[in-house]
Amino acid sequence: QVQLVESGGGLVQPGGSLGLSCVASGSSFRLYAMAWYRQAPGKQREMVATITSSSDTVYADSVKGRFTISRDNAKNTVYLQMNSLKPEDTAVYYCKTARMVGGSLYNYWGQGTQVTVSS
């Protein structure tokens, strides 16, 4: 069982910046990839950024060059730095990871944190 707790959401003006954090429970954080997803009202949840155990990163086209995902294995924490925010970035942002347990893959999600980009 993995618990994920996000923080850092809020209201920001277009063009502004915001940083999100996600703390994971457990001792094997460094071994697994972490990801940020988001879900806007009326839309499907979508992947925003992923970071592997070796810190390779993948970004959605819509956030490339504006968002940066990073991790601190000593703190069991993954970060999402969001710059040049746009109104279309408004969504609930979720932290996600996965674990293999008994041959089955289990996904774990945080509770989500609201990001609102508006003037």
Protein backbone atom coordinates (compact mmCIF):
# COMPACT_ATOMS: atom_id res chain seq x y z
CA GLN A 1 0.00 0.00 0.00
CA VAL A 2 1.33 3.40 -1.02
CA GLN A 3 -0.10 6.70 0.17
CA LEU A 4 0.41 9.84 -1.88
CA VAL A 5 -0.26 13.32 -0.54
CA GLU A 6 -0.21 16.32 -2.87
CA SER A 7 0.14 19.95 -1.90
CA GLY A 8 0.77 23.31 -3.47
CA GLY A 9 -2.29 23.98 -5.56
CA GLY A 10 -4.09 27.29 -5.64
CA LEU A 11 -5.19 30.26 -7.69
CA VAL A 12 -2.70 31.95 -9.99
CA GLN A 13 -2.97 34.52 -12.74
CA PRO A 14 -2.22 33.65 -16.37
CA GLY A 15 1.51 33.74 -16.96
CA GLY A 16 2.23 32.98 -13.34
CA SER A 17 3.98 30.05 -11.69
CA LEU A 18 3.03 27.41 -9.18
CA GLY A 19 4.81 24.43 -7.67
CA LEU A 20 3.22 21.16 -6.62
CA SER A 21 4.64 18.52 -4.30
CA CYS A 22 3.70 14.91 -3.70
CA VAL A 23 5.03 12.91 -0.77
CA ALA A 24 4.89 9.13 -0.97
CA SER A 25 4.87 6.66 1.88
CA GLY A 26 7.10 3.61 1.99
CA SER A 27 10.76 2.81 1.60
CA SER A 28 10.94 1.93 -2.08
CA PHE A 29 10.13 5.32 -3.57
CA ARG A 30 13.45 5.55 -5.44
CA LEU A 31 12.77 2.34 -7.35
CA TYR A 32 9.62 3.47 -9.13
CA ALA A 33 8.44 5.97 -11.67
CA MET A 34 6.20 8.81 -10.57
CA ALA A 35 3.75 10.84 -12.61
CA TRP A 36 1.51 13.85 -12.52
CA TYR A 37 -1.91 13.72 -14.13
CA ARG A 38 -4.66 16.29 -14.34
CA GLN A 39 -8.38 16.33 -14.91
CA ALA A 40 -10.33 19.37 -15.98
CA PRO A 41 -14.13 19.56 -15.56
CA GLY A 42 -15.88 17.49 -18.18
CA LYS A 43 -12.63 16.06 -19.52
CA GLN A 44 -10.74 12.81 -19.14
CA ARG A 45 -7.78 12.54 -16.84
CA GLU A 46 -4.56 13.06 -18.79
CA MET A 47 -0.87 12.48 -18.15
CA VAL A 48 1.06 15.69 -17.63
CA ALA A 49 4.57 14.49 -16.81
CA THR A 50 6.38 11.30 -15.81
CA ILE A 51 9.75 10.74 -14.20
CA THR A 52 11.40 7.33 -14.08
CA SER A 53 13.51 5.86 -11.30
CA SER A 54 16.57 7.05 -13.22
CA SER A 55 15.03 10.53 -13.59
CA ASP A 56 14.23 10.31 -17.28
CA THR A 57 11.24 12.52 -18.02
CA VAL A 58 8.31 12.59 -20.42
CA TYR A 59 5.92 15.50 -20.87
CA ALA A 60 2.59 16.02 -22.54
CA ASP A 61 2.97 18.23 -25.61
CA SER A 62 0.72 20.83 -24.05
CA VAL A 63 3.14 21.49 -21.17
CA LYS A 64 6.56 20.97 -22.78
CA GLY A 65 8.86 23.88 -22.09
CA ARG A 66 6.60 25.20 -19.33
CA PHE A 67 6.42 22.42 -16.71
CA THR A 68 9.27 20.57 -15.03
CA ILE A 69 8.96 17.33 -13.08
CA SER A 70 11.66 16.36 -10.60
CA ARG A 71 12.15 14.04 -7.66
CA ASP A 72 14.01 13.95 -4.36
CA ASN A 73 14.44 10.32 -3.33
CA ALA A 74 15.77 11.29 0.09
CA LYS A 75 12.45 13.01 0.81
CA ASN A 76 10.18 10.53 -1.03
CA THR A 77 8.89 13.53 -2.94
CA VAL A 78 8.09 14.34 -6.55
CA TYR A 79 7.63 17.92 -7.70
CA LEU A 80 5.92 19.67 -10.58
CA GLN A 81 7.07 23.21 -11.31
CA MET A 82 4.58 24.98 -13.53
CA ASN A 83 5.54 28.19 -15.31
CA SER A 84 3.79 30.38 -17.87
CA LEU A 85 0.48 29.02 -16.72
CA LYS A 86 -2.56 29.28 -18.99
CA PRO A 87 -6.28 29.16 -18.19
CA GLU A 88 -6.41 25.77 -19.92
CA ASP A 89 -4.04 24.41 -17.25
CA THR A 90 -6.90 24.72 -14.76
CA ALA A 91 -7.60 21.25 -13.37
CA VAL A 92 -7.27 18.97 -10.40
CA TYR A 93 -3.73 17.64 -10.42
CA TYR A 94 -3.04 14.12 -9.20
CA CYS A 95 0.15 12.31 -8.27
CA LYS A 96 0.39 8.69 -9.39
CA THR A 97 2.65 5.71 -8.99
CA ALA A 98 2.39 1.97 -9.50
CA ARG A 99 3.60 -1.17 -7.78
CA MET A 100 3.87 -4.79 -8.82
CA VAL A 101 2.28 -6.92 -6.11
CA GLY A 102 2.05 -10.68 -6.57
CA GLY A 103 2.37 -10.38 -10.32
CA SER A 104 -0.32 -7.73 -10.65
CA LEU A 105 0.18 -4.02 -11.28
CA TYR A 106 -1.55 -1.67 -8.87
CA ASN A 107 -1.95 2.06 -9.48
CA TYR A 108 -1.92 4.45 -6.56
CA TRP A 109 -3.31 7.98 -6.70
CA GLY A 110 -3.20 10.97 -4.44
CA GLN A 111 -6.30 12.88 -3.43
CA GLY A 112 -5.62 15.66 -5.92
CA THR A 113 -4.93 19.36 -5.59
CA GLN A 114 -6.83 22.10 -7.41
CA VAL A 115 -4.97 24.45 -9.72
CA THR A 116 -6.93 27.40 -11.06
CA VAL A 117 -5.44 29.81 -13.58
CA SER A 118 -7.58 32.91 -13.85
CA SER A 119 -7.35 36.67 -13.78
